[in-house]
C-alpha atoms as a PDB file:
ATOM      1  CA  MET A   1      -3.675  -0.629  13.123  1.00  0.00           C
ATOM      2  CA  LYS A   2      -2.124   2.706  12.330  1.00  0.00           C
ATOM      3  CA  LYS A   3      -4.365   5.102  10.345  1.00  0.00           C
ATOM      4  CA  LEU A   4      -3.946   8.490   8.519  1.00  0.00           C
ATOM      5  CA  ASN A   5      -6.548  11.066   7.583  1.00  0.00           C
ATOM      6  CA  LEU A   6      -4.901  13.131   4.942  1.00  0.00           C
ATOM      7  CA  GLY A   7      -6.228  16.623   4.518  1.00  0.00           C
ATOM      8  CA  SER A   8      -8.505  16.270   7.665  1.00  0.00           C
ATOM      9  CA  GLY A   9      -9.953  19.732   7.578  1.00  0.00           C
ATOM     10  CA  ASP A  10     -12.932  20.200   9.628  1.00  0.00           C
ATOM     11  CA  PHE A  11     -13.501  16.474   9.655  1.00  0.00           C
ATOM     12  CA  LYS A  12     -10.950  14.971  11.999  1.00  0.00           C
ATOM     13  CA  LYS A  13     -11.277  11.243  12.634  1.00  0.00           C
ATOM     14  CA  ASP A  14     -10.896   9.415  15.868  1.00  0.00           C
ATOM     15  CA  GLY A  15      -8.192   6.781  15.889  1.00  0.00           C
ATOM     16  CA  TYR A  16      -6.414   8.379  12.911  1.00  0.00           C
ATOM     17  CA  VAL A  17      -3.365  10.797  12.592  1.00  0.00           C
ATOM     18  CA  ASN A  18      -5.157  13.827  11.210  1.00  0.00           C
ATOM     19  CA  ILE A  19      -2.883  15.982   8.962  1.00  0.00           C
ATOM     20  CA  ASP A  20      -3.770  19.210   7.255  1.00  0.00           C
ATOM     21  CA  VAL A  21      -2.167  22.541   6.219  1.00  0.00           C
ATOM     22  CA  GLU A  22      -4.481  24.740   8.272  1.00  0.00           C
ATOM     23  CA  GLU A  23      -3.057  25.194  11.671  1.00  0.00           C
ATOM     24  CA  SER A  24      -6.291  26.762  13.109  1.00  0.00           C
ATOM     25  CA  LEU A  25      -8.231  23.452  12.592  1.00  0.00           C
ATOM     26  CA  GLN A  26      -5.813  21.930  15.078  1.00  0.00           C
ATOM     27  CA  PRO A  27      -4.763  18.737  13.205  1.00  0.00           C
ATOM     28  CA  ASP A  28      -2.369  16.311  14.828  1.00  0.00           C
ATOM     29  CA  ILE A  29       0.240  17.425  12.335  1.00  0.00           C
ATOM     30  CA  VAL A  30       0.441  20.640  10.313  1.00  0.00           C
ATOM     31  CA  HIS A  31       1.913  20.095   6.883  1.00  0.00           C
ATOM     32  CA  ASN A  32       1.507  21.440   3.459  1.00  0.00           C
ATOM     33  CA  LEU A  33       0.573  18.302   1.321  1.00  0.00           C
ATOM     34  CA  ASP A  34       2.086  19.879  -1.841  1.00  0.00           C
ATOM     35  CA  GLN A  35       5.493  19.557  -0.103  1.00  0.00           C
ATOM     36  CA  PHE A  36       7.312  16.370  -0.368  1.00  0.00           C
ATOM     37  CA  PRO A  37       8.318  14.194   1.399  1.00  0.00           C
ATOM     38  CA  TYR A  38       5.613  13.957   3.988  1.00  0.00           C
ATOM     39  CA  PRO A  39       6.789  13.783   7.613  1.00  0.00           C
ATOM     40  CA  PHE A  40       6.397   9.908   7.968  1.00  0.00           C
ATOM     41  CA  GLU A  41       8.723   7.105   7.641  1.00  0.00           C
ATOM     42  CA  ASP A  42       8.498   4.450   4.978  1.00  0.00           C
ATOM     43  CA  ASP A  43       5.868   1.797   5.541  1.00  0.00           C
ATOM     44  CA  THR A  44       4.054   3.566   8.480  1.00  0.00           C
ATOM     45  CA  PHE A  45       0.231   3.267   7.862  1.00  0.00           C
ATOM     46  CA  ASP A  46      -2.145   0.379   7.460  1.00  0.00           C
ATOM     47  CA  LEU A  47      -4.931   2.534   6.214  1.00  0.00           C
ATOM     48  CA  ILE A  48      -4.719   6.034   4.517  1.00  0.00           C
ATOM     49  CA  GLU A  49      -7.764   7.968   3.633  1.00  0.00           C
ATOM     50  CA  ALA A  50      -8.009  11.085   1.540  1.00  0.00           C
ATOM     51  CA  ASP A  51     -11.450  12.454   1.225  1.00  0.00           C
ATOM     52  CA  HIS A  52     -11.874  15.291  -1.395  1.00  0.00           C
ATOM     53  CA  LEU A  53      -8.273  16.310  -1.180  1.00  0.00           C
ATOM     54  CA  LEU A  54      -6.383  15.264  -4.279  1.00  0.00           C
ATOM     55  CA  GLU A  55      -8.311  17.592  -6.556  1.00  0.00           C
ATOM     56  CA  HIS A  56      -6.909  20.437  -4.589  1.00  0.00           C
ATOM     57  CA  LEU A  57      -3.216  19.618  -4.803  1.00  0.00           C
ATOM     58  CA  ASN A  58      -0.847  20.358  -7.617  1.00  0.00           C
ATOM     59  CA  GLU A  59       0.776  17.035  -8.338  1.00  0.00           C
ATOM     60  CA  PRO A  60      -1.650  14.069  -7.733  1.00  0.00           C
ATOM     61  CA  PHE A  61       0.697  11.476  -9.021  1.00  0.00           C
ATOM     62  CA  GLN A  62       3.517  12.663  -6.734  1.00  0.00           C
ATOM     63  CA  VAL A  63       0.967  12.350  -3.748  1.00  0.00           C
ATOM     64  CA  MET A  64       0.073   8.995  -4.835  1.00  0.00           C
ATOM     65  CA  LYS A  65       3.774   8.102  -4.872  1.00  0.00           C
ATOM     66  CA  GLU A  66       4.057   9.502  -1.309  1.00  0.00           C
ATOM     67  CA  LEU A  67       1.093   7.557  -0.148  1.00  0.00           C
ATOM     68  CA  ARG A  68       2.529   4.372  -1.488  1.00  0.00           C
ATOM     69  CA  ARG A  69       5.707   5.049   0.363  1.00  0.00           C
ATOM     70  CA  ILE A  70       4.230   5.675   3.633  1.00  0.00           C
ATOM     71  CA  ALA A  71       1.653   2.803   3.397  1.00  0.00           C
ATOM     72  CA  ASN A  72       2.627  -0.442   4.917  1.00  0.00           C
ATOM     73  CA  PRO A  73       3.066  -3.459   2.450  1.00  0.00           C
ATOM     74  CA  GLY A  74      -0.421  -4.615   1.943  1.00  0.00           C
ATOM     75  CA  GLY A  75      -1.936  -1.400   3.308  1.00  0.00           C
ATOM     76  CA  LYS A  76      -5.003   0.094   2.032  1.00  0.00           C
ATOM     77  CA  ILE A  77      -5.339   3.667   0.447  1.00  0.00           C
ATOM     78  CA  ILE A  78      -8.850   5.041   0.029  1.00  0.00           C
ATOM     79  CA  ILE A  79      -9.192   8.004  -2.202  1.00  0.00           C
ATOM     80  CA  ARG A  80     -12.430   9.974  -2.699  1.00  0.00           C
ATOM     81  CA  VAL A  81     -12.378  12.590  -5.340  1.00  0.00           C
ATOM     82  CA  PRO A  82     -14.884  14.410  -7.576  1.00  0.00           C
ATOM     83  CA  HIS A  83     -15.802  12.730 -10.758  1.00  0.00           C
ATOM     84  CA  PHE A  84     -14.865  14.924 -13.616  1.00  0.00           C
ATOM     85  CA  SER A  85     -18.461  15.435 -14.535  1.00  0.00           C
ATOM     86  CA  ARG A  86     -19.008  17.620 -11.354  1.00  0.00           C
ATOM     87  CA  ALA A  87     -15.390  18.493 -10.549  1.00  0.00           C
ATOM     88  CA  MET A  88     -15.204  21.949 -11.791  1.00  0.00           C
ATOM     89  CA  THR A  89     -18.251  23.258  -9.922  1.00  0.00           C
ATOM     90  CA  HIS A  90     -15.905  24.198  -6.944  1.00  0.00           C
ATOM     91  CA  PRO A  91     -13.621  27.093  -7.543  1.00  0.00           C
ATOM     92  CA  GLN A  92     -10.730  25.498  -5.751  1.00  0.00           C
ATOM     93  CA  HIS A  93     -10.759  22.334  -7.622  1.00  0.00           C
ATOM     94  CA  LYS A  94      -7.796  21.936 -10.142  1.00  0.00           C
ATOM     95  CA  ARG A  95      -9.052  18.625 -11.708  1.00  0.00           C
ATOM     96  CA  GLY A  96     -11.636  15.846 -11.767  1.00  0.00           C
ATOM     97  CA  PHE A  97     -11.078  12.249 -11.945  1.00  0.00           C
ATOM     98  CA  ASP A  98     -12.233   9.310 -14.005  1.00  0.00           C
ATOM     99  CA  VAL A  99     -12.518   5.538 -13.998  1.00  0.00           C
ATOM    100  CA  THR A 100      -9.174   5.442 -15.746  1.00  0.00           C
ATOM    101  CA  PHE A 101      -7.197   6.888 -12.804  1.00  0.00           C
ATOM    102  CA  PRO A 102      -6.273   3.367 -11.591  1.00  0.00           C
ATOM    103  CA  TYR A 103      -4.690   2.512 -14.877  1.00  0.00           C
ATOM    104  CA  TYR A 104      -1.741   4.848 -14.181  1.00  0.00           C
ATOM    105  CA  PHE A 105      -0.598   2.533 -11.277  1.00  0.00           C
ATOM    106  CA  ASP A 106      -0.933  -0.901 -13.178  1.00  0.00           C
ATOM    107  CA  ASN A 107       2.551  -1.801 -14.590  1.00  0.00           C
ATOM    108  CA  ASN A 108       0.562  -3.518 -17.444  1.00  0.00           C
ATOM    109  CA  PHE A 109      -0.741  -0.157 -18.806  1.00  0.00           C
ATOM    110  CA  PHE A 110       1.806   0.861 -21.366  1.00  0.00           C
ATOM    111  CA  GLY A 111      -0.166   3.912 -22.225  1.00  0.00           C
ATOM    112  CA  ARG A 112       1.308   5.961 -19.387  1.00  0.00           C
ATOM    113  CA  TYR A 113       2.301   3.814 -16.291  1.00  0.00           C
ATOM    114  CA  THR A 114       3.690   6.152 -13.698  1.00  0.00           C
ATOM    115  CA  GLY A 115       5.950   3.627 -12.032  1.00  0.00           C
ATOM    116  CA  ILE A 116       3.759   3.740  -8.881  1.00  0.00           C
ATOM    117  CA  GLU A 117       2.488   0.327  -8.460  1.00  0.00           C
ATOM    118  CA  LEU A 118      -0.847   0.052  -6.610  1.00  0.00           C
ATOM    119  CA  ILE A 119      -3.561  -2.528  -6.901  1.00  0.00           C
ATOM    120  CA  CYS A 120      -7.075  -1.066  -7.261  1.00  0.00           C
ATOM    121  CA  GLU A 121      -9.426  -3.350  -5.338  1.00  0.00           C
ATOM    122  CA  LYS A 122     -12.533  -1.217  -5.786  1.00  0.00           C
ATOM    123  CA  MET A 123     -13.996   1.696  -7.621  1.00  0.00           C
ATOM    124  CA  LYS A 124     -17.291   3.147  -7.074  1.00  0.00           C
ATOM    125  CA  LEU A 125     -19.263   6.106  -8.390  1.00  0.00           C
ATOM    126  CA  HIS A 126     -21.425   8.225  -6.067  1.00  0.00           C
ATOM    127  CA  TRP A 127     -24.064  10.327  -7.367  1.00  0.00           C
ATOM    128  CA  PHE A 128     -24.889  11.856  -3.860  1.00  0.00           C
ATOM    129  CA  ALA A 129     -21.786  11.973  -1.631  1.00  0.00           C
ATOM    130  CA  GLN A 130     -20.232  13.613   1.342  1.00  0.00           C
ATOM    131  CA  LYS A 131     -23.458  13.034   3.221  1.00  0.00           C
ATOM    132  CA  TYR A 132     -21.854  14.258   6.516  1.00  0.00           C
ATOM    133  CA  LEU A 133     -21.626  17.664   4.811  1.00  0.00           C
ATOM    134  CA  MET A 134     -24.869  17.534   2.849  1.00  0.00           C
ATOM    135  CA  LYS A 135     -26.925  16.793   5.955  1.00  0.00           C
ATOM    136  CA  LYS A 136     -25.702  20.113   7.395  1.00  0.00           C
ATOM    137  CA  HIS A 137     -26.664  22.247   4.279  1.00  0.00           C
ATOM    138  CA  LEU A 138     -29.913  20.592   3.103  1.00  0.00           C
ATOM    139  CA  PRO A 139     -33.495  20.445   4.432  1.00  0.00           C
ATOM    140  CA  LEU A 140     -33.784  17.141   6.228  1.00  0.00           C
ATOM    141  CA  TRP A 141     -36.571  15.952   3.854  1.00  0.00           C
ATOM    142  CA  MET A 142     -34.291  16.782   0.856  1.00  0.00           C
ATOM    143  CA  TYR A 143     -31.219  15.012   2.330  1.00  0.00           C
ATOM    144  CA  TYR A 144     -33.257  11.836   2.830  1.00  0.00           C
ATOM    145  CA  LEU A 145     -34.830  12.031  -0.650  1.00  0.00           C
ATOM    146  CA  LEU A 146     -31.492  12.594  -2.418  1.00  0.00           C
ATOM    147  CA  THR A 147     -29.944   9.795  -0.292  1.00  0.00           C
ATOM    148  CA  TRP A 148     -32.651   7.413  -1.562  1.00  0.00           C
ATOM    149  CA  ILE A 149     -32.358   8.543  -5.223  1.00  0.00           C
ATOM    150  CA  GLY A 150     -28.643   8.454  -5.098  1.00  0.00           C
ATOM    151  CA  ALA A 151     -28.626   4.906  -3.791  1.00  0.00           C
ATOM    152  CA  ALA A 152     -30.744   3.846  -6.732  1.00  0.00           C
ATOM    153  CA  ILE A 153     -28.578   5.711  -9.334  1.00  0.00           C
ATOM    154  CA  ASP A 154     -25.444   4.284  -7.857  1.00  0.00           C
ATOM    155  CA  ILE A 155     -26.545   0.666  -8.175  1.00  0.00           C
ATOM    156  CA  LEU A 156     -27.182   1.237 -11.967  1.00  0.00           C
ATOM    157  CA  ALA A 157     -24.025   3.364 -12.498  1.00  0.00           C
ATOM    158  CA  ASN A 158     -21.710   0.778 -10.802  1.00  0.00           C
ATOM    159  CA  ALA A 159     -23.129  -2.072 -12.943  1.00  0.00           C
ATOM    160  CA  SER A 160     -20.689  -0.460 -15.609  1.00  0.00           C
ATOM    161  CA  PRO A 161     -18.535   2.366 -14.245  1.00  0.00           C
ATOM    162  CA  MET A 162     -16.791   2.778 -17.596  1.00  0.00           C
ATOM    163  CA  PHE A 163     -20.079   3.296 -19.536  1.00  0.00           C
ATOM    164  CA  CYS A 164     -21.439   5.394 -16.925  1.00  0.00           C
ATOM    165  CA  SER A 165     -18.368   7.612 -16.690  1.00  0.00           C
ATOM    166  CA  ARG A 166     -18.282   8.074 -20.466  1.00  0.00           C
ATOM    167  CA  ILE A 167     -21.977   8.371 -21.392  1.00  0.00           C
ATOM    168  CA  TRP A 168     -24.558   7.871 -18.789  1.00  0.00           C
ATOM    169  CA  CYS A 169     -23.296  10.283 -16.147  1.00  0.00           C
ATOM    170  CA  TYR A 170     -24.496  13.179 -18.365  1.00  0.00           C
ATOM    171  CA  TRP A 171     -28.070  11.918 -18.233  1.00  0.00           C
ATOM    172  CA  VAL A 172     -28.290  12.212 -14.441  1.00  0.00           C
ATOM    173  CA  GLY A 173     -26.427  15.559 -14.081  1.00  0.00           C
ATOM    174  CA  GLY A 174     -22.913  14.061 -13.404  1.00  0.00           C
ATOM    175  CA  PHE A 175     -21.592  12.186 -10.332  1.00  0.00           C
ATOM    176  CA  TYR A 176     -20.444  13.849  -7.275  1.00  0.00           C
ATOM    177  CA  GLU A 177     -17.542  11.674  -6.420  1.00  0.00           C
ATOM    178  CA  ILE A 178     -15.579   8.432  -7.481  1.00  0.00           C
ATOM    179  CA  GLU A 179     -14.007   6.402  -4.752  1.00  0.00           C
ATOM    180  CA  PHE A 180     -10.941   4.263  -5.290  1.00  0.00           C
ATOM    181  CA  VAL A 181      -9.685   1.626  -2.911  1.00  0.00           C
ATOM    182  CA  PHE A 182      -6.037   0.853  -3.542  1.00  0.00           C
ATOM    183  CA  ARG A 183      -3.760  -1.644  -1.913  1.00  0.00           C
ATOM    184  CA  LYS A 184       0.041  -1.406  -1.747  1.00  0.00           C
ATOM    185  CA  PRO A 185       1.531  -4.666  -3.082  1.00  0.00           C
ATOM    186  CA  LYS A 186       3.192  -6.904  -0.397  1.00  0.00           C
ATOM    187  CA  LYS A 187       6.342  -7.563  -2.305  1.00  0.00           C
END
């Protein structure tokens, strides 16, 4: 299985091709992800992960087009991005994302189909996310408390992500991230 960790930063993954713009972080491949095409052949990867990257880039739909190009038919693309309710708390974020993001990759969505067909297999809101990062910056007791509270909130939120994203998220202070699992059609 060939795997890609897009925008690896300080969090390189074993068994993945790690790509990042920052040479000092010693990724496997140094590349500016705002420059297209990416340095891979068509249909290369079985799994592509982008963890809190898309919100930093200029053209998210162009990135998704590239990810579709380099994913194998039937390949999985996992995107984790800030939910719009919390996205702008970071000075380098250019945008936040919503439960409607997958619509743009569904050719039945006449509102603004992008021409980039992907199947959204899963979508999940996370109130407390990036635990690998949070564990480094929070007191241990607070980390575990927030993990427990977050798990309870996530269960309720994901019962109806659309309702949560539009109304309920404001009652709990917003959601840290939204995760999308896409699959490239096998055609």
